Protein backbone atom coordinates (compact mmCIF):
# COMPACT_ATOMS: atom_id res chain seq x y z
CA MET A 1 -18.74 28.29 -19.05
CA THR A 2 -14.99 28.11 -18.59
CA TRP A 3 -12.37 30.80 -19.12
CA GLU A 4 -9.58 30.02 -21.56
CA LEU A 5 -6.65 31.95 -22.97
CA ASP A 6 -5.56 30.30 -26.22
CA GLY A 7 -6.83 26.97 -24.91
CA ILE A 8 -5.19 27.28 -21.49
CA ARG A 9 -7.75 26.79 -18.71
CA ILE A 10 -7.73 29.58 -16.13
CA PHE A 11 -9.88 29.77 -13.01
CA VAL A 12 -10.65 33.48 -12.73
CA GLN A 13 -10.91 34.99 -9.26
CA ASP A 14 -11.03 38.67 -10.22
CA TYR A 15 -11.64 40.57 -13.47
CA GLU A 16 -11.26 44.32 -13.88
CA GLY A 17 -10.98 46.87 -16.65
CA ASP A 18 -9.69 50.42 -16.78
CA ASN A 19 -10.80 53.08 -19.27
CA LYS A 20 -9.30 56.60 -19.22
CA GLN A 21 -9.41 59.86 -21.10
CA ILE A 22 -6.31 61.99 -21.42
CA LEU A 23 -7.34 65.26 -19.79
CA PRO A 24 -4.43 67.52 -18.81
CA ARG A 25 -5.38 70.48 -16.60
CA LEU A 26 -3.62 73.75 -17.39
CA GLN A 27 -3.35 76.50 -14.79
CA PRO A 28 -2.86 79.89 -16.52
CA ILE A 29 -1.45 82.65 -14.34
CA ASN A 30 -4.38 85.02 -14.84
CA GLY A 31 -7.39 82.72 -15.02
CA GLY A 32 -9.14 79.51 -14.09
CA THR A 33 -8.27 75.97 -14.96
CA VAL A 34 -8.35 75.01 -18.64
CA ILE A 35 -8.97 71.37 -19.47
CA GLN A 36 -7.59 70.01 -22.74
CA ILE A 37 -8.98 66.82 -24.28
CA PHE A 38 -6.27 64.74 -25.98
CA GLY A 39 -8.24 61.54 -26.60
CA TYR A 40 -8.29 58.36 -24.59
CA GLU A 41 -6.18 55.36 -23.69
CA SER A 42 -7.04 51.87 -24.88
CA GLU A 43 -8.69 49.69 -22.26
CA VAL A 44 -6.47 47.78 -19.87
CA THR A 45 -7.94 44.51 -18.59
CA LYS A 46 -6.58 42.64 -15.58
CA ILE A 47 -7.40 39.12 -14.49
CA SER A 48 -6.36 37.37 -11.31
CA SER A 49 -6.68 33.62 -11.72
CA ILE A 50 -5.61 30.20 -10.58
CA VAL A 51 -3.62 28.08 -13.03
CA VAL A 52 -2.94 24.40 -12.45
CA GLY A 53 0.31 22.98 -13.83
CA SER A 54 3.71 24.42 -14.61
CA GLY A 55 3.26 23.71 -18.34
CA ASP A 56 0.27 26.06 -18.50
CA LEU A 57 2.18 28.64 -16.45
CA PHE A 58 5.16 28.54 -18.82
CA ALA A 59 2.84 28.92 -21.82
CA LEU A 60 1.20 31.99 -20.23
CA LYS A 61 4.60 33.52 -19.42
CA ALA A 62 5.66 33.05 -23.06
CA MET A 63 2.60 35.04 -24.20
CA ALA A 64 4.01 38.12 -22.46
CA LYS A 65 7.04 37.97 -24.77
CA ASP A 66 5.69 37.04 -28.21
CA GLY A 67 3.95 40.27 -29.29
CA ILE A 68 0.97 38.55 -30.89
CA TYR A 69 -2.74 38.59 -30.10
CA HIS A 70 -4.21 35.78 -28.01
CA THR A 71 -7.88 34.80 -27.78
CA LEU A 72 -9.56 35.10 -24.40
CA ILE A 73 -12.84 33.17 -24.15
CA THR A 74 -15.08 34.03 -21.19
CA PRO A 75 -18.78 33.95 -20.33
CA LEU A 76 -18.69 37.75 -20.75
CA LEU A 77 -16.86 38.08 -24.07
CA THR A 78 -14.54 36.53 -26.60
CA ASP A 79 -11.83 38.86 -27.89
CA ASP A 80 -8.21 39.01 -28.96
CA PHE A 81 -5.74 40.70 -26.62
CA LEU A 82 -2.04 41.40 -26.31
CA VAL A 83 -0.69 39.95 -23.08
CA ALA A 84 1.22 42.81 -21.47
CA SER A 85 2.38 41.06 -18.32
CA VAL A 86 2.09 37.81 -16.38
CA LYS A 87 2.82 37.84 -12.66
CA HIS A 88 2.77 34.50 -10.86
CA LYS A 89 3.04 33.11 -7.37
CA TRP A 90 3.18 29.47 -6.30
CA GLN A 91 0.20 28.51 -4.13
CA ARG A 92 1.11 25.81 -1.65
CA SER A 93 -1.40 22.99 -1.82
CA ILE A 94 -1.57 19.39 -0.72
CA CYS A 95 -3.99 18.21 -3.37
CA GLN A 96 -5.47 19.97 -6.40
CA THR A 97 -8.95 18.93 -7.53
CA MET A 98 -9.74 21.65 -10.07
CA ARG A 99 -8.18 19.79 -12.99
CA PRO A 100 -9.10 16.08 -12.77
CA ASP A 101 -7.09 15.46 -15.97
CA LEU A 102 -3.87 16.25 -14.06
CA PRO A 103 -2.32 14.43 -11.08
CA GLU A 104 -3.41 15.54 -7.62
CA ASP A 105 0.10 16.75 -6.75
CA THR A 106 0.32 19.11 -9.76
CA PRO A 107 1.53 22.59 -8.68
CA VAL A 108 -1.03 25.38 -8.40
CA PHE A 109 -0.25 29.04 -9.16
CA ILE A 110 -1.94 32.39 -8.57
CA VAL A 111 -1.47 34.27 -11.86
CA ASP A 112 -2.19 37.95 -12.56
CA ILE A 113 -2.46 38.76 -16.27
CA GLU A 114 -2.67 42.24 -17.79
CA PHE A 115 -4.13 42.58 -21.31
CA TYR A 116 -4.17 45.39 -23.86
CA ILE A 117 -6.53 45.69 -26.80
CA GLU A 118 -6.29 48.11 -29.69
CA ASP A 119 -9.40 50.10 -30.60
């Protein structure tokens, strides 16, 4: 199964999530450490992927500015996320073969996307 973000094909190389509680540690002068529980942070998901074509790259970059939820479809899950950031780097290539619907000389990019989801 393919990975898509609002219909944009991404070739995922790495997928990671981060879940945290908010646990400040207080050090009173006359006693041991006291741990306070203040809840938790919403999950942060990061994907490192390959994207073929500057049109798809520009569409992904626009998602980091629009403030709306986008649907990520993967073999693991389908969910709606806010795109927090898109970091991209041009990958030098002679010939791309991952997207046969595009010309062989289409630019290829390494794209890191960070997602937020509300609980």
